[in-house]
Amino acid sequence: MPQGFIIIQIGNEELDRLCADAIVPTMIACGLDPKRVDKHNQGGLLKSEIIRFINDSDIIVGDLTNERPNVYLEVGYTMGVDKFKNLVLTVRQDHFPDSPDYKRDGPRVHFDLAGYDILRWNPDKLSEFRAELEKRIRRRQIVVSVPARGPAPIWDTEWIDQQRAAANAGLADIGRSGYMEVRAALSFPKVLKTQAELNDAARGAQINTFGWPIAPYLNTEEFRPRARADGIVARVKPETKESYDYWAIRRNGDFYFAASLFEDERRPGFIFFNTRIVRVTEALLYLARLYTTLGVERTAGISVAIRHGGLKGRHLQASNMGRELSRALKSDEDLIDVEVLTSVDEIEAKLVEKVKELLAPLFAVFEFFELSDKVYEDIVNRFVKGDVS
């Protein structure tokens, strides 16, 4: 895959955070394999390694924060070998005289680069910086004819269709049309694990707070996971409850899960908004556990998609009296599918935000229903503490 190179001050905590939270995931989202000389040096002379990274990279992000001489030298070399068209320059916003945080004796952009289009970033607004950086990288990819992959990773739709067909067959057997589906895939480079490693990771990733977990791992002969050539798979239809669960994990880390709706065991024809928040929270935490156990880097990109089907004609409510709506809201839409790009670090740091991002489109089809951030935060945090009320 195309390579990206990051020129940035080494050993600065704030810039390490900028790199991990914004620059690296943005490069991954643009289909690039991000490199930093302090992270990916192969043991050669530092100067030679830097030259190799610059020469071999399709997109180069150079951050000018703190006026570091080595950064300016590497940016200058990039321009000197006629790769300015591959270069995106960034800097903390206080380096410009027109910034309210500018200090006369503080760091600034040197005069020889001050006239260039430099993307400013604010440490309190990294999400905005990340969005703008992605736009600039994608534009630059077009200019230099580097093929953009779109949101990483590339989904294996054939594999997903196979899993979905198997899950749908199980749902049909119990007469259920409503379901929740979770899909996840790693950005490049992907992992390569044995079936035994996948089995151990799946067993350890299970979360039992809700009662009946996402991707339930059962040790019974009938329902335990089965090894396949490309991974493991489990089908769970217990005799004690009218439900069906299907999940599969590939050796490259691809994950698929589908299950009947908990609401149909309690109140058919309804969707409980608090239950949906709990289940999506659990799904994200499950994936964080799974990929951590599989040794995936905490900043590596993970595409997560949540699908809810069989919605048409259902009404939205809460599962308990304390959260009930004044009236039940109805959906005329049958299916909602939402995808986000995240990472293990981001799931932990921005769990409430990611849950809302995945669920707001679902709630909107129930007559434009919206929940406040406080409600999301309350339900998510209660689940994390072990309370699903």
Protein backbone atom coordinates (compact mmCIF):
# COMPACT_ATOMS: atom_id res chain seq x y z
CA MET A 1 0.00 0.00 0.00
CA PRO A 2 1.14 3.63 -0.47
CA GLN A 3 3.44 4.94 2.24
CA GLY A 4 3.11 8.15 4.23
CA PHE A 5 5.90 9.82 6.21
CA ILE A 6 5.53 12.11 9.23
CA ILE A 7 8.15 14.79 9.90
CA ILE A 8 7.69 16.03 13.46
CA GLN A 9 9.60 16.89 16.62
CA ILE A 10 10.59 13.72 18.44
CA GLY A 11 10.12 13.31 22.19
CA ASN A 12 7.45 15.99 22.70
CA GLU A 13 4.38 14.72 24.58
CA GLU A 14 1.94 17.12 22.95
CA LEU A 15 3.18 16.32 19.45
CA ASP A 16 3.20 12.58 20.16
CA ARG A 17 -0.48 12.94 21.06
CA LEU A 18 -1.16 14.97 17.90
CA CYS A 19 0.49 12.24 15.87
CA ALA A 20 -1.36 9.36 17.55
CA ASP A 21 -4.79 11.01 17.73
CA ALA A 22 -4.88 12.88 14.42
CA ILE A 23 -2.09 12.44 11.88
CA VAL A 24 -1.67 8.64 12.01
CA PRO A 25 -5.41 7.74 11.90
CA THR A 26 -5.96 10.28 9.12
CA MET A 27 -3.20 8.80 6.99
CA ILE A 28 -4.65 5.33 7.58
CA ALA A 29 -8.11 6.58 6.58
CA CYS A 30 -6.57 7.80 3.31
CA GLY A 31 -5.11 4.38 2.55
CA LEU A 32 -1.55 5.20 3.59
CA ASP A 33 0.89 3.24 5.75
CA PRO A 34 2.21 5.97 8.11
CA LYS A 35 5.90 5.96 9.08
CA ARG A 36 7.92 7.96 11.61
CA VAL A 37 11.69 7.68 11.73
CA ASP A 38 11.74 7.15 15.52
CA LYS A 39 9.11 4.41 15.28
CA HIS A 40 10.15 2.61 12.10
CA ASN A 41 13.93 2.98 11.89
CA GLN A 42 15.41 -0.30 10.64
CA GLY A 43 18.78 0.18 12.26
CA GLY A 44 20.48 2.26 9.58
CA LEU A 45 22.04 5.69 9.87
CA LEU A 46 19.34 8.18 10.84
CA LYS A 47 20.14 10.53 7.96
CA SER A 48 19.93 7.70 5.43
CA GLU A 49 16.69 6.40 6.95
CA ILE A 50 15.05 9.84 6.70
CA ILE A 51 16.13 10.22 3.06
CA ARG A 52 14.73 6.77 2.29
CA PHE A 53 11.40 7.54 3.96
CA ILE A 54 11.05 10.83 2.08
CA ASN A 55 11.98 9.31 -1.26
CA ASP A 56 9.67 6.30 -0.80
CA SER A 57 6.61 8.15 0.54
CA ASP A 58 3.67 9.29 -1.55
CA ILE A 59 2.40 11.77 1.05
CA ILE A 60 4.56 13.59 3.62
CA VAL A 61 3.11 15.53 6.56
CA GLY A 62 5.59 18.00 8.05
CA ASP A 63 4.70 19.66 11.36
CA LEU A 64 6.62 22.90 12.00
CA THR A 65 5.65 23.31 15.66
CA ASN A 66 8.43 24.52 17.99
CA GLU A 67 10.84 25.53 15.18
CA ARG A 68 12.86 22.33 15.36
CA PRO A 69 15.97 22.52 13.09
CA ASN A 70 15.74 18.86 12.08
CA VAL A 71 12.12 19.36 10.96
CA TYR A 72 13.03 22.36 8.81
CA LEU A 73 16.00 20.45 7.37
CA GLU A 74 13.81 17.47 6.40
CA VAL A 75 11.12 19.73 4.94
CA GLY A 76 13.83 21.52 2.97
CA TYR A 77 15.18 18.23 1.66
CA THR A 78 11.65 17.22 0.63
CA MET A 79 11.36 20.41 -1.40
CA GLY A 80 14.86 19.97 -2.80
CA VAL A 81 14.10 16.57 -4.29
CA ASP A 82 11.00 18.02 -5.97
CA LYS A 83 8.47 16.42 -3.61
CA PHE A 84 6.82 19.63 -2.46
CA LYS A 85 3.66 18.49 -4.26
CA ASN A 86 3.65 15.49 -1.90
CA LEU A 87 4.04 17.67 1.20
CA VAL A 88 1.34 18.87 3.62
CA LEU A 89 2.59 21.38 6.21
CA THR A 90 0.98 21.80 9.65
CA VAL A 91 1.72 23.85 12.76
CA ARG A 92 0.16 24.73 16.11
CA GLN A 93 -2.05 27.79 15.64
CA ASP A 94 -0.13 30.01 18.10
CA HIS A 95 2.83 30.25 15.68
CA PHE A 96 1.16 33.04 13.64
CA PRO A 97 0.99 36.73 14.65
CA ASP A 98 -2.76 36.83 13.95
CA SER A 99 -3.43 34.13 16.58
CA PRO A 100 -4.82 35.30 19.95
CA ASP A 101 -2.32 32.92 21.62
CA TYR A 102 0.70 34.27 19.74
CA LYS A 103 3.65 35.37 21.88
CA ARG A 104 6.25 37.79 20.54
CA ASP A 105 9.08 35.77 22.04
CA GLY A 106 7.42 32.40 21.39
CA PRO A 107 7.84 29.93 18.52
CA ARG A 108 6.78 31.00 15.04
CA VAL A 109 6.86 29.84 11.44
CA HIS A 110 10.16 30.88 9.84
CA PHE A 111 9.91 33.57 7.19
CA ASP A 112 10.99 31.26 4.34
CA LEU A 113 7.87 29.10 4.86
CA ALA A 114 5.45 31.69 6.23
CA GLY A 115 3.99 32.33 2.78
CA TYR A 116 2.99 28.72 2.19
CA ASP A 117 -0.46 27.27 2.87
CA ILE A 118 0.08 25.74 6.30
CA LEU A 119 -2.71 23.92 8.12
CA ARG A 120 -3.10 25.21 11.68
CA TRP A 121 -4.13 23.00 14.59
CA ASN A 122 -5.51 23.74 18.02
CA PRO A 123 -4.80 21.15 20.75
CA ASP A 124 -8.38 21.56 21.98
CA LYS A 125 -9.89 20.99 18.52
CA LEU A 126 -8.05 17.99 17.10
CA SER A 127 -11.19 16.49 15.56
CA GLU A 128 -11.57 19.58 13.36
CA PHE A 129 -7.89 19.44 12.43
CA ARG A 130 -8.18 15.75 11.58
CA ALA A 131 -11.14 16.39 9.25
CA GLU A 132 -9.32 19.19 7.42
CA LEU A 133 -6.09 17.20 7.21
CA GLU A 134 -7.95 14.34 5.56
CA LYS A 135 -9.35 16.72 2.94
CA ARG A 136 -5.89 18.08 2.16
CA ILE A 137 -4.26 14.66 1.94
CA ARG A 138 -6.97 13.37 -0.39
CA ARG A 139 -6.60 16.44 -2.63
CA ARG A 140 -2.84 15.96 -2.66
CA GLN A 141 -3.29 12.28 -3.57
CA ILE A 142 -5.24 13.35 -6.63
CA VAL A 143 -2.54 15.86 -7.59
CA VAL A 144 0.28 13.30 -7.34
CA SER A 145 -1.87 10.48 -8.78
CA VAL A 146 -1.67 8.35 -5.64
CA PRO A 147 -4.77 6.14 -5.55
CA ALA A 148 -6.85 6.82 -2.45
CA ARG A 149 -8.43 3.74 -0.96
CA GLY A 150 -11.36 5.49 0.67
CA PRO A 151 -12.12 4.85 4.33
CA ALA A 152 -9.69 2.17 5.43
CA PRO A 153 -9.84 -0.72 5.48
CA ILE A 154 -11.33 -2.28 2.34
CA TRP A 155 -14.21 -4.47 3.44
CA ASP A 156 -14.24 -8.01 2.08
CA THR A 157 -17.85 -7.86 0.94
CA GLU A 158 -17.87 -11.45 -0.29
CA TRP A 159 -16.90 -12.73 3.17
CA ILE A 160 -19.44 -10.44 4.84
CA ASP A 161 -22.19 -11.62 2.49
CA GLN A 162 -21.37 -15.24 3.36
CA GLN A 163 -21.61 -14.56 7.09
CA ARG A 164 -24.79 -12.54 6.67
CA ALA A 165 -26.43 -15.35 4.71
CA ALA A 166 -25.59 -17.83 7.48
CA ALA A 167 -26.88 -15.46 10.16
CA ASN A 168 -30.10 -14.73 8.26
CA ALA A 169 -30.79 -18.44 7.96
CA GLY A 170 -30.56 -18.82 11.73
CA LEU A 171 -32.81 -15.81 12.33
CA ALA A 172 -35.36 -17.21 9.90
CA ASP A 173 -35.39 -20.52 11.79
CA ILE A 174 -36.71 -18.77 14.91
CA GLY A 175 -39.05 -16.51 12.93
CA ARG A 176 -37.26 -13.21 13.69
CA SER A 177 -36.90 -10.32 11.26
CA GLY A 178 -35.34 -7.85 13.69
CA TYR A 179 -31.61 -8.04 14.28
CA MET A 180 -28.43 -6.20 15.21
CA GLU A 181 -25.28 -6.72 13.14
CA VAL A 182 -21.71 -5.70 14.01
CA ARG A 183 -18.88 -5.71 11.47
CA ALA A 184 -15.25 -4.74 12.08
CA ALA A 185 -12.05 -4.83 10.06
CA LEU A 186 -8.50 -3.67 10.66
CA SER A 187 -6.63 -1.14 8.59
CA PHE A 188 -3.48 -2.21 6.84
CA PRO A 189 -1.24 -3.85 7.82
CA LYS A 190 -3.65 -6.52 9.02
CA VAL A 191 -2.81 -9.28 11.50
CA LEU A 192 -2.39 -12.97 10.74
CA LYS A 193 -3.46 -15.20 13.63
CA THR A 194 -4.01 -18.91 14.15
CA GLN A 195 -7.45 -20.32 14.87
CA ALA A 196 -6.28 -21.14 18.41
CA GLU A 197 -5.25 -17.50 18.98
CA LEU A 198 -8.63 -16.31 17.69
CA ASN A 199 -10.41 -18.77 19.97
CA ASP A 200 -8.52 -17.57 23.06
CA ALA A 201 -9.12 -13.91 22.16
CA ALA A 202 -12.85 -14.47 21.61
CA ARG A 203 -13.19 -16.21 24.96
CA GLY A 204 -11.42 -13.37 26.77
CA ALA A 205 -13.22 -10.56 24.93
CA GLN A 206 -16.69 -11.53 26.16
CA ILE A 207 -18.39 -8.98 28.45
CA ASN A 208 -21.09 -10.28 30.79
CA THR A 209 -22.51 -7.04 32.18
CA PHE A 210 -25.73 -7.16 30.16
CA GLY A 211 -26.46 -10.80 30.91
CA TRP A 212 -26.45 -12.28 27.41
CA PRO A 213 -23.23 -10.97 25.84
CA ILE A 214 -22.22 -9.80 22.39
CA ALA A 215 -20.61 -12.74 20.54
CA PRO A 216 -21.44 -15.23 23.33
CA TYR A 217 -18.75 -17.84 23.92
CA LEU A 218 -20.23 -21.15 25.07
CA ASN A 219 -18.24 -24.28 25.89
CA THR A 220 -21.03 -26.76 25.14
CA GLU A 221 -20.42 -29.22 22.33
CA GLU A 222 -23.33 -27.88 20.33
CA PHE A 223 -22.56 -24.17 20.50
CA ARG A 224 -18.79 -23.85 21.02
CA PRO A 225 -16.79 -22.05 18.27
CA ARG A 226 -15.69 -24.17 15.31
CA ALA A 227 -12.40 -23.86 13.45
CA ARG A 228 -12.56 -23.03 9.75
CA ALA A 229 -9.81 -22.68 7.16
CA ASP A 230 -9.88 -18.88 7.44
CA GLY A 231 -10.84 -18.46 11.11
CA ILE A 232 -13.51 -19.48 13.63
CA VAL A 233 -17.31 -19.35 13.70
CA ALA A 234 -20.06 -19.91 16.30
CA ARG A 235 -23.83 -20.40 16.05
CA VAL A 236 -25.78 -20.13 19.31
CA LYS A 237 -29.44 -21.07 19.72
CA PRO A 238 -30.03 -21.92 23.39
CA GLU A 239 -33.05 -23.90 24.52
CA THR A 240 -33.63 -21.54 27.45
CA LYS A 241 -34.47 -18.43 25.37
CA GLU A 242 -35.91 -17.50 21.99
CA SER A 243 -32.81 -15.94 20.52
CA TYR A 244 -30.14 -16.56 17.91
CA ASP A 245 -26.51 -15.40 17.78
CA TYR A 246 -23.95 -15.87 15.02
CA TRP A 247 -20.36 -14.65 15.03
CA ALA A 248 -17.16 -15.20 13.08
CA ILE A 249 -13.56 -13.98 13.26
CA ARG A 250 -11.08 -14.32 10.40
CA ARG A 251 -7.36 -14.88 10.73
CA ASN A 252 -6.78 -11.33 9.42
CA GLY A 253 -8.92 -9.83 12.21
CA ASP A 254 -12.18 -9.34 10.30
CA PHE A 255 -15.13 -9.70 12.68
CA TYR A 256 -18.82 -10.37 12.08
CA PHE A 257 -21.67 -10.69 14.57
CA ALA A 258 -25.44 -10.81 14.14
CA ALA A 259 -28.16 -11.55 16.68
CA SER A 260 -31.87 -11.31 17.21
CA LEU A 261 -33.07 -8.29 19.15
CA PHE A 262 -33.32 -8.48 22.94
CA GLU A 263 -36.48 -6.37 22.66
CA ASP A 264 -38.33 -9.21 20.90
CA GLU A 265 -37.92 -11.35 24.00
CA ARG A 266 -39.43 -8.63 26.20
CA ARG A 267 -41.76 -6.54 24.05
CA PRO A 268 -42.06 -7.51 20.36
CA GLY A 269 -42.57 -4.61 17.96
CA PHE A 270 -40.45 -2.17 19.99
CA ILE A 271 -36.90 -0.81 20.08
CA PHE A 272 -35.55 0.28 23.46
CA PHE A 273 -33.23 3.26 23.05
CA ASN A 274 -31.39 2.57 26.31
CA THR A 275 -30.89 -1.08 25.35
CA ARG A 276 -29.46 -0.02 21.97
CA ILE A 277 -26.99 2.29 23.71
CA VAL A 278 -25.95 -0.51 26.04
CA ARG A 279 -25.50 -3.01 23.21
CA VAL A 280 -23.44 -0.68 21.01
CA THR A 281 -21.31 0.29 24.01
CA GLU A 282 -20.72 -3.38 24.71
CA ALA A 283 -19.89 -4.07 21.05
CA LEU A 284 -17.20 -1.37 21.00
CA LEU A 285 -15.67 -2.53 24.27
CA TYR A 286 -15.73 -6.12 23.03
CA LEU A 287 -13.81 -5.10 19.91
CA ALA A 288 -11.29 -3.15 21.99
CA ARG A 289 -10.69 -6.26 24.14
CA LEU A 290 -10.54 -8.56 21.13
CA TYR A 291 -8.00 -6.53 19.18
CA THR A 292 -5.90 -5.77 22.26
CA THR A 293 -5.61 -9.51 22.94
CA LEU A 294 -4.68 -10.10 19.30
CA GLY A 295 -1.79 -7.66 19.68
CA VAL A 296 -3.16 -4.91 17.44
CA GLU A 297 -1.50 -1.51 17.95
CA ARG A 298 -3.69 0.78 20.03
CA THR A 299 -3.63 3.51 17.38
CA ALA A 300 -4.28 1.20 14.42
CA GLY A 301 -7.41 2.03 12.44
CA ILE A 302 -10.50 -0.13 12.99
CA SER A 303 -13.55 0.29 10.78
CA VAL A 304 -16.70 -0.57 12.72
CA ALA A 305 -20.18 -0.83 11.20
CA ILE A 306 -23.43 -1.35 13.09
CA ARG A 307 -26.58 -2.42 11.24
CA HIS A 308 -30.09 -2.64 12.67
CA GLY A 309 -32.70 -4.39 10.52
CA GLY A 310 -36.37 -5.25 10.73
CA LEU A 311 -37.25 -1.76 12.00
CA LYS A 312 -40.29 -0.92 9.90
CA GLY A 313 -43.42 -0.59 12.00
CA ARG A 314 -41.55 -0.79 15.30
CA HIS A 315 -41.96 1.81 18.04
CA LEU A 316 -39.19 3.45 20.04
CA GLN A 317 -39.41 3.37 23.83
CA ALA A 318 -37.33 2.66 26.91
CA SER A 319 -37.01 -0.65 28.70
CA ASN A 320 -37.77 0.85 32.11
CA MET A 321 -40.28 3.27 33.57
CA GLY A 322 -37.64 5.80 34.58
CA ARG A 323 -36.66 6.51 30.97
CA GLU A 324 -39.98 6.05 29.12
CA LEU A 325 -40.97 8.53 26.42
CA SER A 326 -44.26 10.40 26.52
CA ARG A 327 -45.33 8.42 23.46
CA ALA A 328 -43.91 5.58 21.39
CA LEU A 329 -42.33 6.84 18.14
CA LYS A 330 -42.71 4.76 14.98
CA SER A 331 -40.23 3.92 12.19
CA ASP A 332 -41.13 3.72 8.51
CA GLU A 333 -37.56 2.73 7.63
CA ASP A 334 -36.54 -0.92 7.80
CA LEU A 335 -32.74 -0.83 7.91
CA ILE A 336 -30.01 1.51 9.19
CA ASP A 337 -26.29 0.85 8.63
CA VAL A 338 -23.64 3.20 10.09
CA GLU A 339 -19.85 2.98 9.80
CA VAL A 340 -17.12 4.77 11.78
CA LEU A 341 -13.33 4.68 11.79
CA THR A 342 -11.81 4.33 15.24
CA SER A 343 -9.01 2.63 17.21
CA VAL A 344 -8.57 0.94 20.58
CA ASP A 345 -7.25 4.19 22.03
CA GLU A 346 -10.19 6.16 20.63
CA ILE A 347 -12.77 3.66 21.88
CA GLU A 348 -11.41 4.14 25.39
CA ALA A 349 -11.03 7.92 25.16
CA LYS A 350 -14.15 8.77 23.16
CA LEU A 351 -16.54 5.92 23.93
CA VAL A 352 -19.65 8.07 24.42
CA GLU A 353 -18.94 10.05 21.24
CA LYS A 354 -18.54 6.87 19.16
CA VAL A 355 -21.70 5.31 20.58
CA LYS A 356 -23.67 8.42 19.66
CA GLU A 357 -22.14 8.51 16.18
CA LEU A 358 -23.25 4.93 15.56
CA LEU A 359 -26.76 5.30 17.02
CA ALA A 360 -27.99 8.80 16.21
CA PRO A 361 -28.99 7.80 12.63
CA LEU A 362 -31.00 4.86 14.03
CA PHE A 363 -32.93 7.02 16.47
CA ALA A 364 -33.54 9.68 13.81
CA VAL A 365 -35.79 7.37 11.74
CA PHE A 366 -38.17 7.21 14.70
CA GLU A 367 -39.81 10.55 13.92
CA PHE A 368 -36.57 12.59 14.22
CA PHE A 369 -35.91 11.43 17.78
CA GLU A 370 -32.73 12.77 19.40
CA LEU A 371 -31.12 12.13 22.76
CA SER A 372 -29.02 14.64 24.67
CA ASP A 373 -25.33 14.00 25.20
CA LYS A 374 -26.04 13.71 28.91
CA VAL A 375 -28.34 10.73 28.36
CA TYR A 376 -25.75 8.96 26.19
CA GLU A 377 -23.08 9.67 28.77
CA ASP A 378 -25.22 8.48 31.67
CA ILE A 379 -26.19 5.17 30.05
CA VAL A 380 -22.70 4.46 28.69
CA ASN A 381 -21.02 5.23 32.01
CA ARG A 382 -23.55 3.15 33.93
CA PHE A 383 -22.78 0.19 31.67
CA VAL A 384 -19.05 0.62 32.18
CA LYS A 385 -19.68 0.56 35.94
CA GLY A 386 -21.82 -2.57 35.63
CA ASP A 387 -25.29 -0.96 35.74
CA VAL A 388 -27.56 -1.47 32.70
CA SER A 389 -30.65 0.26 34.07
